Amino acid sequence: MYEIQHWGIMGKTMEVQRMKELLLLWSRFQSNRVALVGGNHTAARFCTR
């Protein structure tokens, strides 16, 4: 029983780690995209989509 609970906790922490990594990657991608296009009209078009 303990082992099952332990693995459940492990799985949850792994998921949290993955989520954090995804969020970091996403925010980095967003800032990079903004920096790349700058005040370009294409940026506005992407935002509305």
C-alpha atoms as a PDB file:
ATOM      1  CA  MET A   1       0.000   0.000   0.000  1.00  0.00           C
ATOM      2  CA  TYR A   2       2.803   2.391   0.916  1.00  0.00           C
ATOM      3  CA  GLU A   3       4.559   1.802  -2.391  1.00  0.00           C
ATOM      4  CA  ILE A   4       1.433   2.691  -4.378  1.00  0.00           C
ATOM      5  CA  GLN A   5       1.005   5.933  -2.422  1.00  0.00           C
ATOM      6  CA  HIS A   6       4.684   6.720  -2.843  1.00  0.00           C
ATOM      7  CA  TRP A   7       4.484   6.272  -6.607  1.00  0.00           C
ATOM      8  CA  GLY A   8       1.341   8.401  -6.699  1.00  0.00           C
ATOM      9  CA  ILE A   9       3.208  11.234  -5.010  1.00  0.00           C
ATOM     10  CA  MET A  10       6.174  10.729  -7.338  1.00  0.00           C
ATOM     11  CA  GLY A  11       3.894  10.922 -10.362  1.00  0.00           C
ATOM     12  CA  LYS A  12       2.325  14.136  -9.093  1.00  0.00           C
ATOM     13  CA  THR A  13       5.671  15.826  -8.484  1.00  0.00           C
ATOM     14  CA  MET A  14       6.854  14.750 -11.934  1.00  0.00           C
ATOM     15  CA  GLU A  15       3.735  16.285 -13.470  1.00  0.00           C
ATOM     16  CA  VAL A  16       4.308  19.536 -11.575  1.00  0.00           C
ATOM     17  CA  GLN A  17       7.914  19.655 -12.781  1.00  0.00           C
ATOM     18  CA  ARG A  18       6.819  19.098 -16.373  1.00  0.00           C
ATOM     19  CA  MET A  19       4.185  21.818 -16.036  1.00  0.00           C
ATOM     20  CA  LYS A  20       6.753  24.269 -14.670  1.00  0.00           C
ATOM     21  CA  GLU A  21       9.153  23.475 -17.501  1.00  0.00           C
ATOM     22  CA  LEU A  22       6.390  23.922 -20.080  1.00  0.00           C
ATOM     23  CA  LEU A  23       5.406  27.260 -18.548  1.00  0.00           C
ATOM     24  CA  LEU A  24       9.029  28.420 -18.589  1.00  0.00           C
ATOM     25  CA  LEU A  25       9.444  27.373 -22.209  1.00  0.00           C
ATOM     26  CA  TRP A  26       6.153  29.021 -23.153  1.00  0.00           C
ATOM     27  CA  SER A  27       6.981  32.335 -21.457  1.00  0.00           C
ATOM     28  CA  ARG A  28      10.437  32.307 -23.043  1.00  0.00           C
ATOM     29  CA  PHE A  29       8.899  31.613 -26.449  1.00  0.00           C
ATOM     30  CA  GLN A  30       6.391  34.417 -25.977  1.00  0.00           C
ATOM     31  CA  SER A  31       9.041  36.985 -25.012  1.00  0.00           C
ATOM     32  CA  ASN A  32      11.275  35.839 -27.874  1.00  0.00           C
ATOM     33  CA  ARG A  33       8.444  36.199 -30.379  1.00  0.00           C
ATOM     34  CA  VAL A  34       7.620  39.679 -29.090  1.00  0.00           C
ATOM     35  CA  ALA A  35      11.293  40.662 -29.295  1.00  0.00           C
ATOM     36  CA  LEU A  36      11.591  39.257 -32.821  1.00  0.00           C
ATOM     37  CA  VAL A  37       8.574  40.952 -34.369  1.00  0.00           C
ATOM     38  CA  GLY A  38       8.702  44.037 -32.137  1.00  0.00           C
ATOM     39  CA  GLY A  39       6.039  46.630 -33.027  1.00  0.00           C
ATOM     40  CA  ASN A  40       5.349  44.866 -36.302  1.00  0.00           C
ATOM     41  CA  HIS A  41       1.824  44.621 -37.755  1.00  0.00           C
ATOM     42  CA  THR A  42       2.187  40.826 -37.959  1.00  0.00           C
ATOM     43  CA  ALA A  43       2.504  40.762 -34.159  1.00  0.00           C
ATOM     44  CA  ALA A  44      -0.909  42.409 -33.822  1.00  0.00           C
ATOM     45  CA  ARG A  45      -2.362  39.925 -36.290  1.00  0.00           C
ATOM     46  CA  PHE A  46      -0.930  36.995 -34.310  1.00  0.00           C
ATOM     47  CA  CYS A  47      -2.310  38.363 -31.040  1.00  0.00           C
ATOM     48  CA  THR A  48      -5.866  38.647 -32.372  1.00  0.00           C
ATOM     49  CA  ARG A  49      -5.791  35.119 -33.797  1.00  0.00           C
END
